[in-house]
Amino acid sequence: MLVMTLGEQSGETIYFDIHHLEWRQERDKPHWAVSGLLGDGWYEGEVLVEVGEKSEVTFADEWLGRPQIGELFQRLGRERLREALVTAVRHVSSHGELSAWAA
């Protein structure tokens, strides 16, 4: 589990509980695809973070049109969440920790 603090205000800590890792080699662009539960104590939902040459974050509830994630975005900001997830996954992948988890 990755725990990230987005700011100094109360309630700005999120967790990303990884449950699936996959090393993908698509169009000669290798990258990690990391799936898990994102939460902050009030909300919890599935997220896919892909980190490589390019980074992408897919919030499953947003993709499925579920309104609950809107409250999380209002509290913490969609872009701040995206950046925090990409930064955290990049950090653990650069230190070889994802490879160890995937084994």
Protein backbone atom coordinates (compact mmCIF):
# COMPACT_ATOMS: atom_id res chain seq x y z
CA MET A 1 0.00 0.00 0.00
CA LEU A 2 1.20 3.48 -0.87
CA VAL A 3 0.17 6.35 1.40
CA MET A 4 0.46 9.88 0.04
CA THR A 5 -0.07 13.26 1.68
CA LEU A 6 -1.33 15.87 -0.76
CA GLY A 7 -1.15 18.83 1.57
CA GLU A 8 -1.13 19.97 5.13
CA GLN A 9 -4.88 20.35 5.58
CA SER A 10 -6.64 17.56 7.42
CA GLY A 11 -8.10 14.90 5.18
CA GLU A 12 -5.54 15.30 2.42
CA THR A 13 -3.98 11.88 2.82
CA ILE A 14 -4.83 9.18 0.31
CA TYR A 15 -3.92 5.54 -0.02
CA PHE A 16 -3.41 3.39 -3.08
CA ASP A 17 -3.74 -0.29 -2.22
CA ILE A 18 -2.16 -2.13 -5.15
CA HIS A 19 -3.73 -5.44 -6.08
CA HIS A 20 -2.42 -6.06 -9.60
CA LEU A 21 0.82 -5.25 -11.44
CA GLU A 22 1.64 -5.90 -15.04
CA TRP A 23 4.74 -5.09 -17.08
CA ARG A 24 3.49 -4.22 -20.57
CA GLN A 25 5.46 -3.99 -23.78
CA GLU A 26 3.16 -2.20 -26.23
CA ARG A 27 4.44 -0.72 -29.49
CA ASP A 28 8.02 -0.92 -28.18
CA LYS A 29 7.07 1.29 -25.22
CA PRO A 30 7.46 -0.69 -22.00
CA HIS A 31 5.54 0.48 -18.97
CA TRP A 32 4.01 -0.62 -15.70
CA ALA A 33 0.23 -0.97 -15.42
CA VAL A 34 -0.69 -0.82 -11.73
CA SER A 35 -4.27 -1.40 -10.53
CA GLY A 36 -5.55 -0.80 -7.04
CA LEU A 37 -8.00 0.82 -4.69
CA LEU A 38 -7.68 4.56 -4.16
CA GLY A 39 -9.23 5.98 -1.03
CA ASP A 40 -9.21 8.78 1.49
CA GLY A 41 -11.45 7.45 4.26
CA TRP A 42 -14.66 8.79 2.69
CA TYR A 43 -14.31 7.38 -0.81
CA GLU A 44 -12.77 4.21 -2.24
CA GLY A 45 -12.61 3.24 -5.91
CA GLU A 46 -10.58 1.40 -8.53
CA VAL A 47 -7.75 3.14 -10.36
CA LEU A 48 -5.34 2.09 -13.11
CA VAL A 49 -1.99 3.91 -13.21
CA GLU A 50 0.22 3.37 -16.25
CA VAL A 51 3.76 4.69 -15.93
CA GLY A 52 6.41 4.60 -18.60
CA GLU A 53 7.52 7.02 -21.29
CA LYS A 54 4.01 8.45 -20.99
CA SER A 55 1.81 8.29 -17.90
CA GLU A 56 -1.93 7.80 -17.70
CA VAL A 57 -4.38 7.44 -14.84
CA THR A 58 -7.84 5.94 -15.30
CA PHE A 59 -10.33 6.46 -12.48
CA ALA A 60 -12.79 3.59 -12.99
CA ASP A 61 -15.76 5.41 -11.43
CA GLU A 62 -15.19 8.41 -13.68
CA TRP A 63 -14.88 6.16 -16.73
CA LEU A 64 -18.09 4.34 -15.73
CA GLY A 65 -19.95 7.59 -15.09
CA ARG A 66 -20.44 7.03 -11.36
CA PRO A 67 -20.97 10.32 -9.51
CA GLN A 68 -19.31 9.34 -6.20
CA ILE A 69 -15.84 10.17 -7.47
CA GLY A 70 -16.91 13.77 -8.04
CA GLU A 71 -16.87 14.35 -4.29
CA LEU A 72 -13.28 13.11 -4.08
CA PHE A 73 -12.28 15.39 -6.96
CA GLN A 74 -13.96 18.33 -5.18
CA ARG A 75 -12.09 17.61 -1.94
CA LEU A 76 -8.66 16.93 -3.39
CA GLY A 77 -8.61 17.92 -7.06
CA ARG A 78 -8.49 15.50 -9.98
CA GLU A 79 -5.14 16.74 -11.27
CA ARG A 80 -3.54 16.66 -7.79
CA LEU A 81 -4.69 13.04 -7.39
CA ARG A 82 -3.38 12.12 -10.83
CA GLU A 83 -0.01 13.72 -10.18
CA ALA A 84 0.31 12.10 -6.73
CA LEU A 85 -0.45 8.64 -8.13
CA VAL A 86 1.97 8.98 -11.06
CA THR A 87 4.72 10.33 -8.80
CA ALA A 88 4.27 7.55 -6.23
CA VAL A 89 4.22 4.75 -8.83
CA ARG A 90 7.23 6.26 -10.66
CA HIS A 91 9.10 6.44 -7.36
CA VAL A 92 8.54 2.82 -6.37
CA SER A 93 9.21 1.59 -9.92
CA SER A 94 12.50 3.50 -10.12
CA HIS A 95 13.65 1.84 -6.90
CA GLY A 96 12.77 -1.67 -8.13
CA GLU A 97 10.00 -2.10 -5.60
CA LEU A 98 7.33 -2.87 -8.20
CA SER A 99 9.44 -5.68 -9.61
CA ALA A 100 9.66 -7.20 -6.14
CA TRP A 101 5.88 -6.90 -5.64
CA ALA A 102 5.19 -8.45 -9.04
CA ALA A 103 7.30 -11.53 -8.27
